[in-house]
Amino acid sequence: LLISLWPFAITNVLGVLMINTDIIMLGWFRSSEEVGWYSAPQRIIQLIYLIPTVMAVSILPLFSRLAVQSKEKLTQAIEQSISAVYMAAFPIATGGIIVAVPLIAFLFGDQFVHGAVPLQILLLTLLADFSAVILSFVLIVYDHQRNLVVYSAVGGFMNVVLNLLLIPRFGIIGCSFATLGAQLLSNAYLQYIVRRTN
């Protein structure tokens, strides 16, 4: 059990570090005011990230059964699941981008509207994150969860590098693009591993 679960523990630790890395590094290079502006959209995004997790947990038993019965059916189930999460991600991202300013003002007050553009950029991460949750569960079904550690490490490392490059010059906008870039790169790795596995 411990051998099977250690990758989950490391992945969760790296995930928490990645989420908080932006705020920490933003605090190093910019004002506390910008840290506050960036924290508002980040909270919204973290809440939205729960949606694919709930969806993935509900289909894990199906994936587990199909992994034993039929690889072809599992592939179809994966494709349908990813299509379903994209059907949720696209309208949420599009709608959020359109209403970012009034949404931030409504939830956090007018003093946080500077966080609207970072929210719009972070909403694009949904297109990477929503499918990543499904792909992560595919690796779990095949008992390849060790690859999730590499996936998290790639994301965390790229996030730090991109933050170092972008925050000093662009502030919270650069921070948002760093998160987007890190997630796209780590998701590309995850897709590669899942395609190689199934």
C-alpha atoms as a PDB file:
ATOM      1  CA  LEU A   1       0.000   0.000   0.000  1.00  0.00           C
ATOM      2  CA  LEU A   2       2.800   2.440   0.886  1.00  0.00           C
ATOM      3  CA  ILE A   3       4.638   1.624  -2.336  1.00  0.00           C
ATOM      4  CA  SER A   4       1.494   2.358  -4.344  1.00  0.00           C
ATOM      5  CA  LEU A   5       0.613   5.542  -2.477  1.00  0.00           C
ATOM      6  CA  TRP A   6       3.926   7.398  -2.135  1.00  0.00           C
ATOM      7  CA  PRO A   7       3.605   8.985  -5.604  1.00  0.00           C
ATOM      8  CA  PHE A   8       0.233  10.466  -4.558  1.00  0.00           C
ATOM      9  CA  ALA A   9       1.766  12.027  -1.467  1.00  0.00           C
ATOM     10  CA  ILE A  10       4.644  13.569  -3.422  1.00  0.00           C
ATOM     11  CA  THR A  11       2.322  14.737  -6.204  1.00  0.00           C
ATOM     12  CA  ASN A  12       0.027  16.423  -3.701  1.00  0.00           C
ATOM     13  CA  VAL A  13       2.947  18.161  -1.974  1.00  0.00           C
ATOM     14  CA  LEU A  14       4.297  19.361  -5.330  1.00  0.00           C
ATOM     15  CA  GLY A  15       0.801  20.502  -6.341  1.00  0.00           C
ATOM     16  CA  VAL A  16       0.413  22.582  -3.184  1.00  0.00           C
ATOM     17  CA  LEU A  17       3.874  24.074  -3.711  1.00  0.00           C
ATOM     18  CA  MET A  18       3.049  24.921  -7.319  1.00  0.00           C
ATOM     19  CA  ILE A  19      -0.154  26.708  -6.329  1.00  0.00           C
ATOM     20  CA  ASN A  20       1.630  28.750  -3.664  1.00  0.00           C
ATOM     21  CA  THR A  21       4.832  29.362  -5.639  1.00  0.00           C
ATOM     22  CA  ASP A  22       3.158  32.139  -7.622  1.00  0.00           C
ATOM     23  CA  ILE A  23       2.154  34.059  -4.513  1.00  0.00           C
ATOM     24  CA  ILE A  24       5.544  33.600  -2.824  1.00  0.00           C
ATOM     25  CA  MET A  25       7.547  34.664  -5.864  1.00  0.00           C
ATOM     26  CA  LEU A  26       5.201  37.545  -6.580  1.00  0.00           C
ATOM     27  CA  GLY A  27       5.836  38.742  -3.022  1.00  0.00           C
ATOM     28  CA  TRP A  28       9.600  38.645  -3.636  1.00  0.00           C
ATOM     29  CA  PHE A  29       9.503  40.806  -6.749  1.00  0.00           C
ATOM     30  CA  ARG A  30       6.395  42.981  -6.442  1.00  0.00           C
ATOM     31  CA  SER A  31       4.243  44.788  -3.890  1.00  0.00           C
ATOM     32  CA  SER A  32       1.888  43.220  -1.362  1.00  0.00           C
ATOM     33  CA  GLU A  33      -0.893  45.034  -3.208  1.00  0.00           C
ATOM     34  CA  GLU A  34      -0.200  42.973  -6.334  1.00  0.00           C
ATOM     35  CA  VAL A  35      -0.088  39.813  -4.236  1.00  0.00           C
ATOM     36  CA  GLY A  36      -3.621  40.649  -3.041  1.00  0.00           C
ATOM     37  CA  TRP A  37      -4.835  41.389  -6.557  1.00  0.00           C
ATOM     38  CA  TYR A  38      -3.454  38.049  -7.779  1.00  0.00           C
ATOM     39  CA  SER A  39      -4.836  36.084  -4.834  1.00  0.00           C
ATOM     40  CA  ALA A  40      -8.433  36.916  -5.773  1.00  0.00           C
ATOM     41  CA  PRO A  41      -8.462  35.261  -9.226  1.00  0.00           C
ATOM     42  CA  GLN A  42      -6.346  32.414  -7.920  1.00  0.00           C
ATOM     43  CA  ARG A  43      -9.039  31.511  -5.359  1.00  0.00           C
ATOM     44  CA  ILE A  44     -11.680  31.419  -8.091  1.00  0.00           C
ATOM     45  CA  ILE A  45      -9.536  29.152 -10.260  1.00  0.00           C
ATOM     46  CA  GLN A  46      -8.769  26.774  -7.395  1.00  0.00           C
ATOM     47  CA  LEU A  47     -12.486  26.360  -6.789  1.00  0.00           C
ATOM     48  CA  ILE A  48     -13.161  25.653 -10.462  1.00  0.00           C
ATOM     49  CA  TYR A  49     -10.370  23.041 -10.483  1.00  0.00           C
ATOM     50  CA  LEU A  50     -12.565  20.861  -8.256  1.00  0.00           C
ATOM     51  CA  ILE A  51     -15.001  20.220 -11.135  1.00  0.00           C
ATOM     52  CA  PRO A  52     -12.827  17.798 -13.153  1.00  0.00           C
ATOM     53  CA  THR A  53     -11.703  16.061  -9.965  1.00  0.00           C
ATOM     54  CA  VAL A  54     -15.301  15.236  -9.068  1.00  0.00           C
ATOM     55  CA  MET A  55     -15.917  14.026 -12.621  1.00  0.00           C
ATOM     56  CA  ALA A  56     -12.758  11.907 -12.656  1.00  0.00           C
ATOM     57  CA  VAL A  57     -13.452  10.273  -9.294  1.00  0.00           C
ATOM     58  CA  SER A  58     -16.858   9.196 -10.554  1.00  0.00           C
ATOM     59  CA  ILE A  59     -15.416   7.512 -13.665  1.00  0.00           C
ATOM     60  CA  LEU A  60     -12.422   5.841 -11.992  1.00  0.00           C
ATOM     61  CA  PRO A  61     -14.331   2.577 -11.337  1.00  0.00           C
ATOM     62  CA  LEU A  62     -15.314   2.446 -15.013  1.00  0.00           C
ATOM     63  CA  PHE A  63     -11.706   2.981 -16.101  1.00  0.00           C
ATOM     64  CA  SER A  64     -10.518   0.275 -13.704  1.00  0.00           C
ATOM     65  CA  ARG A  65     -13.023  -2.238 -15.034  1.00  0.00           C
ATOM     66  CA  LEU A  66     -12.296  -1.456 -18.684  1.00  0.00           C
ATOM     67  CA  ALA A  67      -8.522  -1.653 -18.162  1.00  0.00           C
ATOM     68  CA  VAL A  68      -9.008  -5.330 -17.360  1.00  0.00           C
ATOM     69  CA  GLN A  69     -11.767  -6.085 -19.893  1.00  0.00           C
ATOM     70  CA  SER A  70     -10.952  -4.153 -23.057  1.00  0.00           C
ATOM     71  CA  LYS A  71      -8.220  -1.683 -23.935  1.00  0.00           C
ATOM     72  CA  GLU A  72     -10.251  -0.452 -26.905  1.00  0.00           C
ATOM     73  CA  LYS A  73     -13.268   0.322 -24.754  1.00  0.00           C
ATOM     74  CA  LEU A  74     -11.037   2.033 -22.218  1.00  0.00           C
ATOM     75  CA  THR A  75      -9.608   4.210 -24.986  1.00  0.00           C
ATOM     76  CA  GLN A  76     -13.155   5.156 -26.039  1.00  0.00           C
ATOM     77  CA  ALA A  77     -14.098   5.923 -22.426  1.00  0.00           C
ATOM     78  CA  ILE A  78     -11.004   8.121 -22.029  1.00  0.00           C
ATOM     79  CA  GLU A  79     -11.821  10.030 -25.215  1.00  0.00           C
ATOM     80  CA  GLN A  80     -15.450  10.499 -24.171  1.00  0.00           C
ATOM     81  CA  SER A  81     -14.410  11.629 -20.692  1.00  0.00           C
ATOM     82  CA  ILE A  82     -11.948  14.168 -22.047  1.00  0.00           C
ATOM     83  CA  SER A  83     -14.621  15.431 -24.441  1.00  0.00           C
ATOM     84  CA  ALA A  84     -17.009  15.792 -21.502  1.00  0.00           C
ATOM     85  CA  VAL A  85     -14.539  17.775 -19.403  1.00  0.00           C
ATOM     86  CA  TYR A  86     -13.787  20.041 -22.358  1.00  0.00           C
ATOM     87  CA  MET A  87     -17.518  20.596 -22.784  1.00  0.00           C
ATOM     88  CA  ALA A  88     -17.447  21.918 -19.216  1.00  0.00           C
ATOM     89  CA  ALA A  89     -14.112  23.776 -19.512  1.00  0.00           C
ATOM     90  CA  PHE A  90     -14.838  25.770 -22.668  1.00  0.00           C
ATOM     91  CA  PRO A  91     -18.036  27.503 -21.501  1.00  0.00           C
ATOM     92  CA  ILE A  92     -16.612  28.147 -18.019  1.00  0.00           C
ATOM     93  CA  ALA A  93     -13.419  29.641 -19.481  1.00  0.00           C
ATOM     94  CA  THR A  94     -15.256  31.654 -22.142  1.00  0.00           C
ATOM     95  CA  GLY A  95     -17.928  32.919 -19.767  1.00  0.00           C
ATOM     96  CA  GLY A  96     -15.351  33.743 -17.117  1.00  0.00           C
ATOM     97  CA  ILE A  97     -13.221  35.685 -19.584  1.00  0.00           C
ATOM     98  CA  ILE A  98     -16.266  37.723 -20.636  1.00  0.00           C
ATOM     99  CA  VAL A  99     -17.463  38.540 -17.101  1.00  0.00           C
ATOM    100  CA  ALA A 100     -14.066  38.696 -15.333  1.00  0.00           C
ATOM    101  CA  VAL A 101     -14.262  42.345 -14.270  1.00  0.00           C
ATOM    102  CA  PRO A 102     -17.781  42.303 -12.784  1.00  0.00           C
ATOM    103  CA  LEU A 103     -17.146  38.871 -11.238  1.00  0.00           C
ATOM    104  CA  ILE A 104     -14.019  40.030  -9.403  1.00  0.00           C
ATOM    105  CA  ALA A 105     -15.766  43.243  -8.322  1.00  0.00           C
ATOM    106  CA  PHE A 106     -18.797  41.297  -7.062  1.00  0.00           C
ATOM    107  CA  LEU A 107     -16.829  38.664  -5.145  1.00  0.00           C
ATOM    108  CA  PHE A 108     -13.956  40.732  -3.761  1.00  0.00           C
ATOM    109  CA  GLY A 109     -14.818  44.414  -4.245  1.00  0.00           C
ATOM    110  CA  ASP A 110     -13.810  47.111  -6.709  1.00  0.00           C
ATOM    111  CA  GLN A 111     -10.301  47.380  -5.257  1.00  0.00           C
ATOM    112  CA  PHE A 112      -9.507  43.916  -6.680  1.00  0.00           C
ATOM    113  CA  VAL A 113     -10.527  44.569 -10.315  1.00  0.00           C
ATOM    114  CA  HIS A 114      -6.804  44.656 -11.195  1.00  0.00           C
ATOM    115  CA  GLY A 115      -7.063  40.874 -10.838  1.00  0.00           C
ATOM    116  CA  ALA A 116      -9.484  40.611 -13.780  1.00  0.00           C
ATOM    117  CA  VAL A 117      -6.819  40.208 -16.487  1.00  0.00           C
ATOM    118  CA  PRO A 118      -4.933  37.558 -14.480  1.00  0.00           C
ATOM    119  CA  LEU A 119      -8.282  35.778 -14.013  1.00  0.00           C
ATOM    120  CA  GLN A 120      -8.837  35.804 -17.764  1.00  0.00           C
ATOM    121  CA  ILE A 121      -5.379  34.313 -18.348  1.00  0.00           C
ATOM    122  CA  LEU A 122      -5.758  31.733 -15.565  1.00  0.00           C
ATOM    123  CA  LEU A 123      -9.114  30.653 -16.985  1.00  0.00           C
ATOM    124  CA  LEU A 124      -7.190  29.382 -20.017  1.00  0.00           C
ATOM    125  CA  THR A 125      -5.453  26.910 -17.683  1.00  0.00           C
ATOM    126  CA  LEU A 126      -8.782  25.094 -17.418  1.00  0.00           C
ATOM    127  CA  LEU A 127      -8.187  23.757 -20.923  1.00  0.00           C
ATOM    128  CA  ALA A 128      -5.034  22.043 -19.653  1.00  0.00           C
ATOM    129  CA  ASP A 129      -6.074  21.203 -16.110  1.00  0.00           C
ATOM    130  CA  PHE A 130      -9.466  19.648 -16.836  1.00  0.00           C
ATOM    131  CA  SER A 131      -8.024  16.999 -19.165  1.00  0.00           C
ATOM    132  CA  ALA A 132      -4.982  16.472 -16.924  1.00  0.00           C
ATOM    133  CA  VAL A 133      -7.161  15.124 -14.118  1.00  0.00           C
ATOM    134  CA  ILE A 134      -8.666  12.487 -16.428  1.00  0.00           C
ATOM    135  CA  LEU A 135      -5.236  11.570 -17.805  1.00  0.00           C
ATOM    136  CA  SER A 136      -3.860  11.258 -14.277  1.00  0.00           C
ATOM    137  CA  PHE A 137      -6.548   8.729 -13.425  1.00  0.00           C
ATOM    138  CA  VAL A 138      -5.630   6.721 -16.522  1.00  0.00           C
ATOM    139  CA  LEU A 139      -2.101   6.387 -15.156  1.00  0.00           C
ATOM    140  CA  ILE A 140      -3.518   5.307 -11.802  1.00  0.00           C
ATOM    141  CA  VAL A 141      -5.570   2.578 -13.480  1.00  0.00           C
ATOM    142  CA  TYR A 142      -2.421   1.252 -15.137  1.00  0.00           C
ATOM    143  CA  ASP A 143      -0.454   1.539 -11.864  1.00  0.00           C
ATOM    144  CA  HIS A 144       1.890   4.124 -13.401  1.00  0.00           C
ATOM    145  CA  GLN A 145       1.286   6.767 -10.752  1.00  0.00           C
ATOM    146  CA  ARG A 146       5.040   7.307 -10.413  1.00  0.00           C
ATOM    147  CA  ASN A 147       4.795   9.291 -13.646  1.00  0.00           C
ATOM    148  CA  LEU A 148       2.548  11.747 -11.798  1.00  0.00           C
ATOM    149  CA  VAL A 149       5.547  12.763  -9.691  1.00  0.00           C
ATOM    150  CA  VAL A 150       7.465  13.669 -12.861  1.00  0.00           C
ATOM    151  CA  TYR A 151       4.389  15.476 -14.206  1.00  0.00           C
ATOM    152  CA  SER A 152       4.117  17.556 -11.026  1.00  0.00           C
ATOM    153  CA  ALA A 153       7.868  18.193 -10.940  1.00  0.00           C
ATOM    154  CA  VAL A 154       7.874  19.393 -14.557  1.00  0.00           C
ATOM    155  CA  GLY A 155       4.994  21.745 -13.801  1.00  0.00           C
ATOM    156  CA  GLY A 156       6.589  23.039 -10.612  1.00  0.00           C
ATOM    157  CA  PHE A 157      10.027  23.546 -12.145  1.00  0.00           C
ATOM    158  CA  MET A 158       8.658  25.326 -15.214  1.00  0.00           C
ATOM    159  CA  ASN A 159       6.462  27.488 -13.002  1.00  0.00           C
ATOM    160  CA  VAL A 160       9.500  28.661 -11.011  1.00  0.00           C
ATOM    161  CA  VAL A 161      11.575  29.311 -14.145  1.00  0.00           C
ATOM    162  CA  LEU A 162       8.786  31.201 -15.920  1.00  0.00           C
ATOM    163  CA  ASN A 163       7.963  33.182 -12.774  1.00  0.00           C
ATOM    164  CA  LEU A 164      11.616  34.234 -12.483  1.00  0.00           C
ATOM    165  CA  LEU A 165      11.561  35.401 -16.088  1.00  0.00           C
ATOM    166  CA  LEU A 166       8.148  37.064 -16.190  1.00  0.00           C
ATOM    167  CA  ILE A 167       7.243  38.458 -12.750  1.00  0.00           C
ATOM    168  CA  PRO A 168       9.994  41.103 -12.480  1.00  0.00           C
ATOM    169  CA  ARG A 169       8.969  42.660 -15.779  1.00  0.00           C
ATOM    170  CA  PHE A 170       5.231  41.973 -16.045  1.00  0.00           C
ATOM    171  CA  GLY A 171       4.032  41.501 -12.457  1.00  0.00           C
ATOM    172  CA  ILE A 172       0.739  39.681 -11.990  1.00  0.00           C
ATOM    173  CA  ILE A 173       0.222  39.355 -15.752  1.00  0.00           C
ATOM    174  CA  GLY A 174       3.581  37.595 -16.058  1.00  0.00           C
ATOM    175  CA  CYS A 175       2.718  35.422 -13.080  1.00  0.00           C
ATOM    176  CA  SER A 176      -0.506  34.336 -14.796  1.00  0.00           C
ATOM    177  CA  PHE A 177       1.288  33.518 -18.043  1.00  0.00           C
ATOM    178  CA  ALA A 178       3.916  31.567 -16.084  1.00  0.00           C
ATOM    179  CA  THR A 179       1.197  29.395 -14.567  1.00  0.00           C
ATOM    180  CA  LEU A 180      -0.445  28.891 -17.965  1.00  0.00           C
ATOM    181  CA  GLY A 181       2.854  27.979 -19.614  1.00  0.00           C
ATOM    182  CA  ALA A 182       3.852  25.580 -16.840  1.00  0.00           C
ATOM    183  CA  GLN A 183       0.512  23.796 -17.003  1.00  0.00           C
ATOM    184  CA  LEU A 184       0.616  23.493 -20.794  1.00  0.00           C
ATOM    185  CA  LEU A 185       4.131  22.004 -20.691  1.00  0.00           C
ATOM    186  CA  SER A 186       3.402  19.573 -17.873  1.00  0.00           C
ATOM    187  CA  ASN A 187       0.147  18.559 -19.563  1.00  0.00           C
ATOM    188  CA  ALA A 188       2.040  17.864 -22.813  1.00  0.00           C
ATOM    189  CA  TYR A 189       4.273  15.483 -20.836  1.00  0.00           C
ATOM    190  CA  LEU A 190       1.218  13.840 -19.268  1.00  0.00           C
ATOM    191  CA  GLN A 191      -0.445  13.348 -22.648  1.00  0.00           C
ATOM    192  CA  TYR A 192       2.744  11.805 -24.014  1.00  0.00           C
ATOM    193  CA  ILE A 193       2.944   9.327 -21.120  1.00  0.00           C
ATOM    194  CA  VAL A 194      -0.742   8.365 -21.394  1.00  0.00           C
ATOM    195  CA  ARG A 195      -0.469   7.841 -25.176  1.00  0.00           C
ATOM    196  CA  ARG A 196       2.576   5.633 -24.605  1.00  0.00           C
ATOM    197  CA  THR A 197       0.733   3.687 -21.894  1.00  0.00           C
ATOM    198  CA  ASN A 198      -2.586   3.323 -23.759  1.00  0.00           C
END
